[in-house]
């Protein structure tokens, strides 16, 4: 009797292998062979799902965006007010635990890969702007300030979050969770001032 394939389970296994390979080895280490080894399958199976390295990178970025979006949605929904939501969503993007440090490493690796690829760069821009737009919307609710002011403050806040996260990905010993949160608090206090 032939074995039945569980395509959903296979894609989930490959998806996790792509993401963790990118987080652990960076864009140069993200190869079909490395993903296949991590997923416990053949390179042929990886190629069947992801036709090239760009597809691997795009998938890893989509996984990251989905994870962070779901987390931000939950943090925003659980916040008692808009200012608390700004703080929670911004803090939720920091690399303060092992899972989020892996996300930060995958984000930095994807960012590095965007430098020479306009398709990857477009995906990065879309996802980064979605984060800044969420922050701008929440800042407008929290401060009552005009849209342009909130856009500028959201850009500064997003840059702070992404900068802290990138530094933590590269030097987690120096950028421990306490330091990340303290640095973020300095900027949060400024952007939340009406």
N, C-alpha and C. Protein backbone atom coordinates (compact mmCIF):
# COMPACT_ATOMS: atom_id res chain seq x y z
N UNK A 1 0.85 -1.17 0.00
CA UNK A 1 0.00 0.00 0.00
C UNK A 1 0.90 1.24 0.00
N UNK A 2 0.68 2.19 -0.91
CA UNK A 2 1.51 3.38 -0.95
C UNK A 2 1.25 4.28 0.26
N UNK A 3 2.31 4.97 0.67
CA UNK A 3 2.16 5.90 1.79
C UNK A 3 1.43 7.15 1.33
N UNK A 4 0.61 7.69 2.20
CA UNK A 4 -0.06 8.95 1.87
C UNK A 4 0.79 10.09 2.40
N UNK A 5 0.87 11.13 1.60
CA UNK A 5 1.66 12.29 2.00
C UNK A 5 0.80 13.24 2.82
N UNK A 6 1.39 13.78 3.82
CA UNK A 6 0.74 14.82 4.61
C UNK A 6 1.39 16.13 4.20
N UNK A 7 0.84 16.76 3.15
CA UNK A 7 1.44 17.97 2.60
C UNK A 7 1.51 19.11 3.61
N UNK A 8 0.49 19.25 4.44
CA UNK A 8 0.49 20.34 5.42
C UNK A 8 1.60 20.14 6.45
N UNK A 9 1.76 18.92 6.94
CA UNK A 9 2.82 18.64 7.91
C UNK A 9 4.19 18.81 7.27
N UNK A 10 4.31 18.38 6.03
CA UNK A 10 5.57 18.51 5.31
C UNK A 10 5.93 19.99 5.13
N UNK A 11 4.96 20.80 4.74
CA UNK A 11 5.23 22.22 4.54
C UNK A 11 5.57 22.90 5.87
N UNK A 12 4.89 22.50 6.94
CA UNK A 12 5.20 23.06 8.26
C UNK A 12 6.62 22.71 8.68
N UNK A 13 7.02 21.46 8.47
CA UNK A 13 8.37 21.03 8.81
C UNK A 13 9.41 21.79 7.98
N UNK A 14 9.15 21.92 6.69
CA UNK A 14 10.07 22.67 5.82
C UNK A 14 10.10 24.15 6.19
N UNK A 15 8.95 24.69 6.52
CA UNK A 15 8.86 26.09 6.90
C UNK A 15 9.72 26.38 8.12
N UNK A 16 9.60 25.54 9.13
CA UNK A 16 10.40 25.72 10.34
C UNK A 16 11.88 25.54 10.04
N UNK A 17 12.21 24.60 9.17
CA UNK A 17 13.61 24.38 8.79
C UNK A 17 14.18 25.59 8.06
N UNK A 18 13.41 26.19 7.18
CA UNK A 18 13.86 27.39 6.46
C UNK A 18 14.11 28.51 7.46
N UNK A 19 13.16 28.74 8.35
CA UNK A 19 13.27 29.84 9.30
C UNK A 19 14.45 29.65 10.24
N UNK A 20 14.59 28.46 10.82
CA UNK A 20 15.68 28.25 11.78
C UNK A 20 17.04 28.23 11.09
N UNK A 21 17.10 27.75 9.86
CA UNK A 21 18.37 27.79 9.13
C UNK A 21 18.79 29.23 8.88
N UNK A 22 17.86 30.07 8.46
CA UNK A 22 18.18 31.48 8.23
C UNK A 22 18.60 32.14 9.53
N UNK A 23 17.88 31.88 10.62
CA UNK A 23 18.21 32.50 11.90
C UNK A 23 19.57 32.04 12.42
N UNK A 24 19.90 30.77 12.22
CA UNK A 24 21.15 30.22 12.75
C UNK A 24 22.36 30.48 11.85
N UNK A 25 22.16 30.42 10.53
CA UNK A 25 23.29 30.46 9.60
C UNK A 25 23.35 31.70 8.73
N UNK A 26 22.32 32.53 8.76
CA UNK A 26 22.30 33.73 7.93
C UNK A 26 22.00 33.42 6.48
N UNK A 27 21.96 34.47 5.64
CA UNK A 27 21.57 34.26 4.25
C UNK A 27 22.56 33.41 3.46
N UNK A 28 23.83 33.47 3.78
CA UNK A 28 24.79 32.65 3.04
C UNK A 28 24.70 31.18 3.42
N UNK A 29 24.23 30.90 4.62
CA UNK A 29 24.08 29.51 5.05
C UNK A 29 22.74 28.90 4.69
N UNK A 30 21.85 29.72 4.17
CA UNK A 30 20.52 29.23 3.78
C UNK A 30 20.62 28.57 2.41
N UNK A 31 20.91 27.28 2.43
CA UNK A 31 21.03 26.51 1.20
C UNK A 31 19.98 25.40 1.19
N UNK A 32 19.72 24.88 0.01
CA UNK A 32 18.77 23.77 -0.10
C UNK A 32 19.23 22.60 0.76
N UNK A 33 20.53 22.32 0.71
CA UNK A 33 21.08 21.21 1.49
C UNK A 33 20.90 21.43 2.99
N UNK A 34 21.19 22.65 3.46
CA UNK A 34 21.05 22.94 4.90
C UNK A 34 19.60 22.80 5.35
N UNK A 35 18.67 23.29 4.53
CA UNK A 35 17.25 23.17 4.88
C UNK A 35 16.84 21.70 4.87
N UNK A 36 17.28 20.95 3.87
CA UNK A 36 16.93 19.53 3.78
C UNK A 36 17.46 18.77 4.99
N UNK A 37 18.70 19.03 5.38
CA UNK A 37 19.27 18.35 6.55
C UNK A 37 18.46 18.66 7.80
N UNK A 38 18.11 19.92 7.97
CA UNK A 38 17.37 20.32 9.16
C UNK A 38 15.96 19.75 9.17
N UNK A 39 15.36 19.62 7.99
CA UNK A 39 14.00 19.09 7.88
C UNK A 39 13.97 17.57 7.83
N UNK A 40 15.14 16.95 7.67
CA UNK A 40 15.20 15.50 7.59
C UNK A 40 14.60 14.96 6.30
N UNK A 41 14.89 15.64 5.19
CA UNK A 41 14.35 15.21 3.90
C UNK A 41 15.40 15.40 2.82
N UNK A 42 15.03 15.17 1.60
CA UNK A 42 15.96 15.32 0.47
C UNK A 42 15.91 16.75 -0.06
N UNK A 43 16.97 17.12 -0.76
CA UNK A 43 16.96 18.44 -1.41
C UNK A 43 15.88 18.49 -2.48
N UNK A 44 15.57 17.35 -3.07
CA UNK A 44 14.50 17.29 -4.07
C UNK A 44 13.16 17.71 -3.48
N UNK A 45 12.90 17.28 -2.26
CA UNK A 45 11.65 17.67 -1.61
C UNK A 45 11.64 19.17 -1.32
N UNK A 46 12.78 19.71 -0.90
CA UNK A 46 12.86 21.15 -0.66
C UNK A 46 12.61 21.89 -1.97
N UNK A 47 13.25 21.44 -3.05
CA UNK A 47 13.07 22.08 -4.36
C UNK A 47 11.63 21.98 -4.85
N UNK A 48 10.96 20.93 -4.48
CA UNK A 48 9.55 20.77 -4.88
C UNK A 48 8.69 21.85 -4.23
N UNK A 49 9.07 22.27 -3.03
CA UNK A 49 8.31 23.28 -2.29
C UNK A 49 8.82 24.69 -2.54
N UNK A 50 10.13 24.84 -2.61
CA UNK A 50 10.76 26.15 -2.80
C UNK A 50 11.71 26.06 -4.00
N UNK A 51 11.36 26.67 -5.12
CA UNK A 51 12.14 26.47 -6.34
C UNK A 51 13.54 27.09 -6.34
N UNK A 52 13.79 28.07 -5.47
CA UNK A 52 15.11 28.70 -5.47
C UNK A 52 15.35 29.39 -4.12
N UNK A 53 16.54 29.97 -3.98
CA UNK A 53 16.91 30.59 -2.71
C UNK A 53 16.02 31.79 -2.40
N UNK A 54 15.65 32.54 -3.41
CA UNK A 54 14.76 33.68 -3.18
C UNK A 54 13.45 33.19 -2.54
N UNK A 55 12.92 32.09 -3.04
CA UNK A 55 11.68 31.55 -2.48
C UNK A 55 11.87 31.15 -1.02
N UNK A 56 13.04 30.59 -0.70
CA UNK A 56 13.35 30.25 0.70
C UNK A 56 13.34 31.51 1.56
N UNK A 57 14.02 32.55 1.08
CA UNK A 57 14.12 33.80 1.83
C UNK A 57 12.75 34.47 1.99
N UNK A 58 11.99 34.51 0.91
CA UNK A 58 10.66 35.13 0.99
C UNK A 58 9.77 34.37 1.97
N UNK A 59 9.87 33.06 1.95
CA UNK A 59 9.06 32.27 2.87
C UNK A 59 9.47 32.55 4.32
N UNK A 60 10.77 32.58 4.58
CA UNK A 60 11.23 32.86 5.94
C UNK A 60 10.75 34.23 6.40
N UNK A 61 10.77 35.21 5.52
CA UNK A 61 10.31 36.56 5.88
C UNK A 61 8.81 36.56 6.15
N UNK A 62 8.06 35.80 5.35
CA UNK A 62 6.62 35.71 5.59
C UNK A 62 6.32 35.05 6.93
N UNK A 63 7.07 34.01 7.26
CA UNK A 63 6.90 33.35 8.56
C UNK A 63 7.16 34.36 9.68
N UNK A 64 8.25 35.11 9.55
CA UNK A 64 8.59 36.10 10.56
C UNK A 64 7.49 37.16 10.67
N UNK A 65 7.03 37.68 9.53
CA UNK A 65 5.99 38.71 9.56
C UNK A 65 4.72 38.17 10.21
N UNK A 66 4.34 36.96 9.87
CA UNK A 66 3.13 36.37 10.45
C UNK A 66 3.26 36.22 11.97
N UNK A 67 4.41 35.74 12.42
CA UNK A 67 4.62 35.57 13.86
C UNK A 67 4.53 36.90 14.60
N UNK A 68 5.22 37.89 14.06
CA UNK A 68 5.25 39.18 14.76
C UNK A 68 3.90 39.89 14.67
N UNK A 69 3.19 39.74 13.55
CA UNK A 69 1.87 40.36 13.41
C UNK A 69 0.89 39.76 14.41
N UNK A 70 0.88 38.44 14.51
CA UNK A 70 -0.03 37.78 15.45
C UNK A 70 0.29 38.21 16.88
N UNK A 71 1.56 38.28 17.22
CA UNK A 71 1.95 38.71 18.56
C UNK A 71 1.52 40.16 18.80
N UNK A 72 1.77 41.05 17.83
CA UNK A 72 1.39 42.45 17.98
C UNK A 72 -0.12 42.61 18.09
N UNK A 73 -0.87 41.84 17.30
CA UNK A 73 -2.34 41.88 17.40
C UNK A 73 -2.79 41.54 18.81
N UNK A 74 -2.22 40.48 19.37
CA UNK A 74 -2.60 40.04 20.72
C UNK A 74 -2.20 41.08 21.77
N UNK A 75 -1.00 41.63 21.65
CA UNK A 75 -0.55 42.64 22.61
C UNK A 75 -1.42 43.88 22.54
N UNK A 76 -1.76 44.29 21.34
CA UNK A 76 -2.62 45.46 21.17
C UNK A 76 -4.00 45.20 21.76
N UNK A 77 -4.55 44.04 21.49
CA UNK A 77 -5.89 43.70 21.99
C UNK A 77 -5.93 43.61 23.52
N UNK A 78 -4.84 43.18 24.12
CA UNK A 78 -4.80 43.01 25.58
C UNK A 78 -4.47 44.30 26.33
N UNK A 79 -4.05 45.33 25.62
CA UNK A 79 -3.65 46.58 26.27
C UNK A 79 -4.87 47.32 26.82
N UNK A 80 -4.67 47.99 27.94
CA UNK A 80 -5.78 48.70 28.58
C UNK A 80 -6.10 50.03 27.91
N UNK A 81 -5.13 50.61 27.22
CA UNK A 81 -5.35 51.86 26.50
C UNK A 81 -4.33 51.97 25.37
N UNK A 82 -4.45 53.03 24.57
CA UNK A 82 -3.60 53.16 23.39
C UNK A 82 -2.12 53.33 23.75
N UNK A 83 -1.83 54.10 24.80
CA UNK A 83 -0.43 54.27 25.20
C UNK A 83 0.17 52.94 25.64
N UNK A 84 -0.59 52.17 26.38
CA UNK A 84 -0.12 50.84 26.78
C UNK A 84 0.07 49.95 25.57
N UNK A 85 -0.78 50.10 24.58
CA UNK A 85 -0.65 49.31 23.35
C UNK A 85 0.63 49.68 22.61
N UNK A 86 0.96 50.97 22.54
CA UNK A 86 2.22 51.39 21.90
C UNK A 86 3.39 50.72 22.61
N UNK A 87 3.41 50.81 23.92
CA UNK A 87 4.50 50.22 24.70
C UNK A 87 4.57 48.71 24.51
N UNK A 88 3.44 48.05 24.54
CA UNK A 88 3.41 46.59 24.41
C UNK A 88 3.84 46.14 23.02
N UNK A 89 3.33 46.78 21.99
CA UNK A 89 3.67 46.38 20.62
C UNK A 89 5.15 46.64 20.34
N UNK A 90 5.65 47.81 20.74
CA UNK A 90 7.07 48.10 20.53
C UNK A 90 7.95 47.13 21.32
N UNK A 91 7.62 46.92 22.57
CA UNK A 91 8.39 45.99 23.39
C UNK A 91 8.29 44.55 22.92
N UNK A 92 7.16 44.21 22.34
CA UNK A 92 6.95 42.85 21.84
C UNK A 92 7.82 42.50 20.65
N UNK A 93 8.40 43.51 20.03
CA UNK A 93 9.27 43.27 18.88
C UNK A 93 10.74 43.12 19.27
N UNK A 94 11.07 43.34 20.53
CA UNK A 94 12.46 43.23 20.96
C UNK A 94 12.88 41.77 21.14
N UNK A 95 14.18 41.55 21.11
CA UNK A 95 14.76 40.20 21.21
C UNK A 95 15.02 39.84 22.67
N UNK A 96 13.95 39.74 23.46
CA UNK A 96 14.10 39.57 24.90
C UNK A 96 14.04 38.12 25.37
N UNK A 97 13.86 37.17 24.46
CA UNK A 97 13.90 35.75 24.82
C UNK A 97 14.48 34.98 23.63
N UNK A 98 14.69 33.69 23.82
CA UNK A 98 15.35 32.89 22.77
C UNK A 98 14.57 32.90 21.46
N UNK A 99 13.26 32.80 21.53
CA UNK A 99 12.45 32.79 20.31
C UNK A 99 12.53 34.10 19.56
N UNK A 100 12.47 35.20 20.29
CA UNK A 100 12.53 36.51 19.64
C UNK A 100 13.95 36.84 19.19
N UNK A 101 14.95 36.28 19.87
CA UNK A 101 16.32 36.46 19.39
C UNK A 101 16.49 35.75 18.05
N UNK A 102 15.91 34.57 17.91
CA UNK A 102 15.95 33.86 16.62
C UNK A 102 15.23 34.68 15.55
N UNK A 103 14.10 35.29 15.91
CA UNK A 103 13.40 36.15 14.95
C UNK A 103 14.27 37.33 14.55
N UNK A 104 14.96 37.92 15.52
CA UNK A 104 15.83 39.06 15.22
C UNK A 104 16.96 38.65 14.28
N UNK A 105 17.53 37.49 14.52
CA UNK A 105 18.61 37.01 13.66
C UNK A 105 18.09 36.75 12.24
N UNK A 106 16.89 36.18 12.13
CA UNK A 106 16.30 35.94 10.81
C UNK A 106 16.02 37.27 10.12
N UNK A 107 15.54 38.26 10.87
CA UNK A 107 15.24 39.57 10.30
C UNK A 107 16.51 40.24 9.77
N UNK A 108 17.58 40.22 10.57
CA UNK A 108 18.85 40.81 10.13
C UNK A 108 19.38 40.08 8.90
N UNK A 109 19.29 38.76 8.90
CA UNK A 109 19.75 37.98 7.75
C UNK A 109 18.95 38.32 6.50
N UNK A 110 17.64 38.45 6.65
CA UNK A 110 16.81 38.81 5.50
C UNK A 110 17.16 40.21 5.03
N UNK A 111 17.33 41.14 5.96
CA UNK A 111 17.69 42.51 5.60
C UNK A 111 18.98 42.53 4.79
N UNK A 112 19.97 41.76 5.21
CA UNK A 112 21.24 41.69 4.47
C UNK A 112 21.01 41.17 3.06
N UNK A 113 20.13 40.21 2.91
CA UNK A 113 19.86 39.63 1.59
C UNK A 113 19.12 40.61 0.67
N UNK A 114 18.43 41.60 1.24
CA UNK A 114 17.67 42.54 0.41
C UNK A 114 18.56 43.51 -0.34
N UNK A 115 19.79 43.67 0.09
CA UNK A 115 20.65 44.69 -0.50
C UNK A 115 20.86 44.49 -1.99
N UNK A 116 20.89 43.27 -2.45
CA UNK A 116 21.13 43.03 -3.87
C UNK A 116 19.94 42.46 -4.62
N UNK A 117 18.76 42.49 -4.01
CA UNK A 117 17.61 41.85 -4.65
C UNK A 117 16.37 42.73 -4.49
N UNK A 118 15.89 43.34 -5.58
CA UNK A 118 14.74 44.24 -5.47
C UNK A 118 13.45 43.55 -5.03
N UNK A 119 13.28 42.28 -5.34
CA UNK A 119 12.07 41.56 -4.91
C UNK A 119 12.08 41.38 -3.39
N UNK A 120 13.22 40.98 -2.85
CA UNK A 120 13.34 40.84 -1.40
C UNK A 120 13.20 42.21 -0.72
N UNK A 121 13.80 43.23 -1.32
CA UNK A 121 13.73 44.57 -0.75
C UNK A 121 12.27 45.05 -0.67
N UNK A 122 11.50 44.77 -1.73
CA UNK A 122 10.10 45.18 -1.74
C UNK A 122 9.32 44.52 -0.60
N UNK A 123 9.57 43.23 -0.36
CA UNK A 123 8.89 42.54 0.74
C UNK A 123 9.30 43.15 2.08
N UNK A 124 10.58 43.44 2.22
CA UNK A 124 11.06 44.05 3.45
C UNK A 124 10.38 45.40 3.69
N UNK A 125 10.34 46.23 2.66
CA UNK A 125 9.74 47.56 2.78
C UNK A 125 8.27 47.45 3.17
N UNK A 126 7.54 46.56 2.53
CA UNK A 126 6.12 46.37 2.82
C UNK A 126 5.91 46.00 4.29
N UNK A 127 6.67 45.04 4.77
CA UNK A 127 6.50 44.58 6.15
C UNK A 127 6.96 45.61 7.17
N UNK A 128 8.06 46.29 6.89
CA UNK A 128 8.55 47.32 7.81
C UNK A 128 7.57 48.49 7.89
N UNK A 129 7.01 48.86 6.76
CA UNK A 129 6.04 49.96 6.76
C UNK A 129 4.77 49.57 7.50
N UNK A 130 4.37 48.32 7.42
CA UNK A 130 3.18 47.87 8.15
C UNK A 130 3.38 48.05 9.65
N UNK A 131 4.58 47.76 10.14
CA UNK A 131 4.90 47.94 11.55
C UNK A 131 4.83 49.43 11.92
N UNK A 132 5.45 50.29 11.12
CA UNK A 132 5.44 51.73 11.39
C UNK A 132 4.02 52.29 11.31
N UNK A 133 3.22 51.80 10.38
CA UNK A 133 1.83 52.27 10.27
C UNK A 133 1.01 51.87 11.49
N UNK A 134 1.25 50.68 12.00
CA UNK A 134 0.56 50.27 13.24
C UNK A 134 0.95 51.21 14.37
N UNK A 135 2.24 51.48 14.50
CA UNK A 135 2.70 52.37 15.56
C UNK A 135 2.11 53.77 15.40
N UNK A 136 2.05 54.28 14.17
CA UNK A 136 1.49 55.62 13.93
C UNK A 136 0.01 55.67 14.33
N UNK A 137 -0.73 54.65 13.96
CA UNK A 137 -2.15 54.59 14.32
C UNK A 137 -2.32 54.59 15.84
N UNK A 138 -1.52 53.79 16.53
CA UNK A 138 -1.61 53.72 17.99
C UNK A 138 -1.16 55.02 18.65
N UNK A 139 -0.11 55.63 18.10
CA UNK A 139 0.35 56.91 18.65
C UNK A 139 -0.70 58.00 18.49
N UNK A 140 -1.40 58.00 17.36
CA UNK A 140 -2.47 58.99 17.15
C UNK A 140 -3.56 58.82 18.20
N UNK A 141 -3.91 57.58 18.48
CA UNK A 141 -4.93 57.31 19.50
C UNK A 141 -4.43 57.70 20.89
N UNK A 142 -3.15 57.46 21.15
CA UNK A 142 -2.59 57.71 22.49
C UNK A 142 -2.35 59.19 22.76
N UNK A 143 -1.97 59.94 21.73
CA UNK A 143 -1.57 61.33 21.95
C UNK A 143 -2.56 62.36 21.42
N UNK A 144 -3.39 61.96 20.47
CA UNK A 144 -4.30 62.92 19.84
C UNK A 144 -3.60 63.88 18.90
N UNK A 145 -2.35 63.63 18.58
CA UNK A 145 -1.60 64.51 17.68
C UNK A 145 -1.96 64.25 16.22
N UNK A 146 -1.58 65.20 15.37
CA UNK A 146 -1.87 65.11 13.93
C UNK A 146 -1.14 63.93 13.30
N UNK A 147 -1.68 63.48 12.18
CA UNK A 147 -1.15 62.31 11.48
C UNK A 147 0.32 62.42 11.12
N UNK A 148 0.75 63.58 10.59
CA UNK A 148 2.15 63.73 10.16
C UNK A 148 3.10 63.64 11.35
N UNK A 149 2.70 64.21 12.47
CA UNK A 149 3.53 64.15 13.68
C UNK A 149 3.64 62.70 14.15
N UNK A 150 2.51 62.01 14.14
CA UNK A 150 2.51 60.60 14.57
C UNK A 150 3.31 59.74 13.61
N UNK A 151 3.25 60.04 12.31
CA UNK A 151 4.05 59.30 11.34
C UNK A 151 5.54 59.46 11.63
N UNK A 152 5.96 60.70 11.92
CA UNK A 152 7.37 60.95 12.23
C UNK A 152 7.79 60.25 13.52
N UNK A 153 6.95 60.32 14.52
CA UNK A 153 7.26 59.66 15.79
C UNK A 153 7.28 58.13 15.62
N UNK A 154 6.35 57.62 14.84
CA UNK A 154 6.32 56.17 14.59
C UNK A 154 7.57 55.73 13.84
N UNK A 155 8.02 56.54 12.90
CA UNK A 155 9.25 56.21 12.17
C UNK A 155 10.43 56.15 13.13
N UNK A 156 10.51 57.12 14.04
CA UNK A 156 11.60 57.13 15.02
C UNK A 156 11.51 55.92 15.95
N UNK A 157 10.30 55.60 16.36
CA UNK A 157 10.10 54.45 17.25
C UNK A 157 10.43 53.14 16.54
N UNK A 158 9.97 52.99 15.31
CA UNK A 158 10.27 51.78 14.55
C UNK A 158 11.77 51.64 14.33
N UNK A 159 12.44 52.76 14.02
CA UNK A 159 13.90 52.71 13.83
C UNK A 159 14.60 52.31 15.13
N UNK A 160 14.10 52.80 16.25
CA UNK A 160 14.67 52.43 17.54
C UNK A 160 14.49 50.94 17.80
N UNK A 161 13.28 50.45 17.61
CA UNK A 161 13.00 49.03 17.85
C UNK A 161 13.87 48.17 16.94
N UNK A 162 13.91 48.51 15.65
CA UNK A 162 14.69 47.69 14.72
C UNK A 162 16.19 47.80 14.99
N UNK A 163 16.65 48.97 15.40
CA UNK A 163 18.06 49.13 15.74
C UNK A 163 18.45 48.34 16.97
N UNK A 164 17.64 48.43 18.01
CA UNK A 164 17.91 47.66 19.23
C UNK A 164 17.90 46.17 18.91
N UNK A 165 16.93 45.75 18.13
CA UNK A 165 16.81 44.34 17.78
C UNK A 165 18.02 43.86 16.99
N UNK A 166 18.47 44.67 16.05
CA UNK A 166 19.65 44.30 15.26
C UNK A 166 20.89 44.21 16.14
N UNK A 167 21.04 45.16 17.06
CA UNK A 167 22.18 45.12 17.98
C UNK A 167 22.12 43.89 18.87
N UNK A 168 20.93 43.55 19.35
CA UNK A 168 20.77 42.36 20.19
C UNK A 168 21.06 41.09 19.41
N UNK A 169 20.70 41.06 18.14
CA UNK A 169 20.97 39.88 17.31
C UNK A 169 22.47 39.67 17.16
N UNK A 170 23.22 40.76 17.07
CA UNK A 170 24.66 40.65 16.88
C UNK A 170 25.46 40.54 18.16
N UNK A 171 24.91 41.06 19.25
CA UNK A 171 25.64 41.07 20.52
C UNK A 171 24.66 40.87 21.69
N UNK A 172 24.11 39.65 21.79
CA UNK A 172 23.09 39.42 22.83
C UNK A 172 23.62 39.54 24.25
N UNK A 173 24.93 39.37 24.45
CA UNK A 173 25.48 39.51 25.80
C UNK A 173 25.41 40.96 26.26
N UNK A 174 25.74 41.88 25.38
CA UNK A 174 25.69 43.30 25.73
C UNK A 174 24.25 43.81 25.74
N UNK A 175 23.45 43.35 24.78
CA UNK A 175 22.08 43.83 24.65
C UNK A 175 21.11 42.84 25.28
N UNK A 176 21.28 42.65 26.58
CA UNK A 176 20.38 41.78 27.33
C UNK A 176 18.99 42.43 27.38
N UNK A 177 17.97 41.65 27.72
CA UNK A 177 16.61 42.19 27.74
C UNK A 177 16.46 43.49 28.53
N UNK A 178 17.12 43.59 29.68
CA UNK A 178 16.98 44.79 30.51
C UNK A 178 17.50 46.02 29.77
N UNK A 179 18.62 45.89 29.09
CA UNK A 179 19.19 47.02 28.35
C UNK A 179 18.28 47.39 27.17
N UNK A 180 17.77 46.38 26.49
CA UNK A 180 16.87 46.64 25.36
C UNK A 180 15.65 47.44 25.83
N UNK A 181 15.04 46.98 26.91
CA UNK A 181 13.83 47.63 27.41
C UNK A 181 14.12 49.04 27.93
N UNK A 182 15.27 49.23 28.58
CA UNK A 182 15.63 50.56 29.08
C UNK A 182 15.85 51.53 27.92
N UNK A 183 16.52 51.08 26.87
CA UNK A 183 16.74 51.94 25.70
C UNK A 183 15.41 52.28 25.04
N UNK A 184 14.55 51.30 24.92
CA UNK A 184 13.24 51.55 24.31
C UNK A 184 12.42 52.53 25.15
N UNK A 185 12.47 52.40 26.46
CA UNK A 185 11.70 53.29 27.33
C UNK A 185 12.06 54.76 27.13
N UNK A 186 13.33 55.05 26.87
CA UNK A 186 13.74 56.43 26.63
C UNK A 186 13.00 57.02 25.44
N UNK A 187 12.88 56.25 24.39
CA UNK A 187 12.21 56.74 23.18
C UNK A 187 10.70 56.73 23.36
N UNK A 188 10.18 55.70 24.02
CA UNK A 188 8.73 55.65 24.25
C UNK A 188 8.25 56.88 25.03
N UNK A 189 8.99 57.27 26.04
CA UNK A 189 8.60 58.45 26.82
C UNK A 189 8.52 59.69 25.92
N UNK A 190 9.45 59.80 24.99
CA UNK A 190 9.45 60.96 24.09
C UNK A 190 8.30 60.92 23.09
N UNK A 191 8.08 59.78 22.46
CA UNK A 191 7.06 59.72 21.40
C UNK A 191 5.64 59.75 21.97
N UNK A 192 5.46 59.38 23.22
CA UNK A 192 4.12 59.39 23.81
C UNK A 192 3.76 60.72 24.47
N UNK A 193 4.67 61.68 24.45
CA UNK A 193 4.39 63.00 25.00
C UNK A 193 3.48 63.76 24.03
N UNK A 194 2.30 64.20 24.51
CA UNK A 194 1.38 64.92 23.61
C UNK A 194 1.92 66.27 23.17
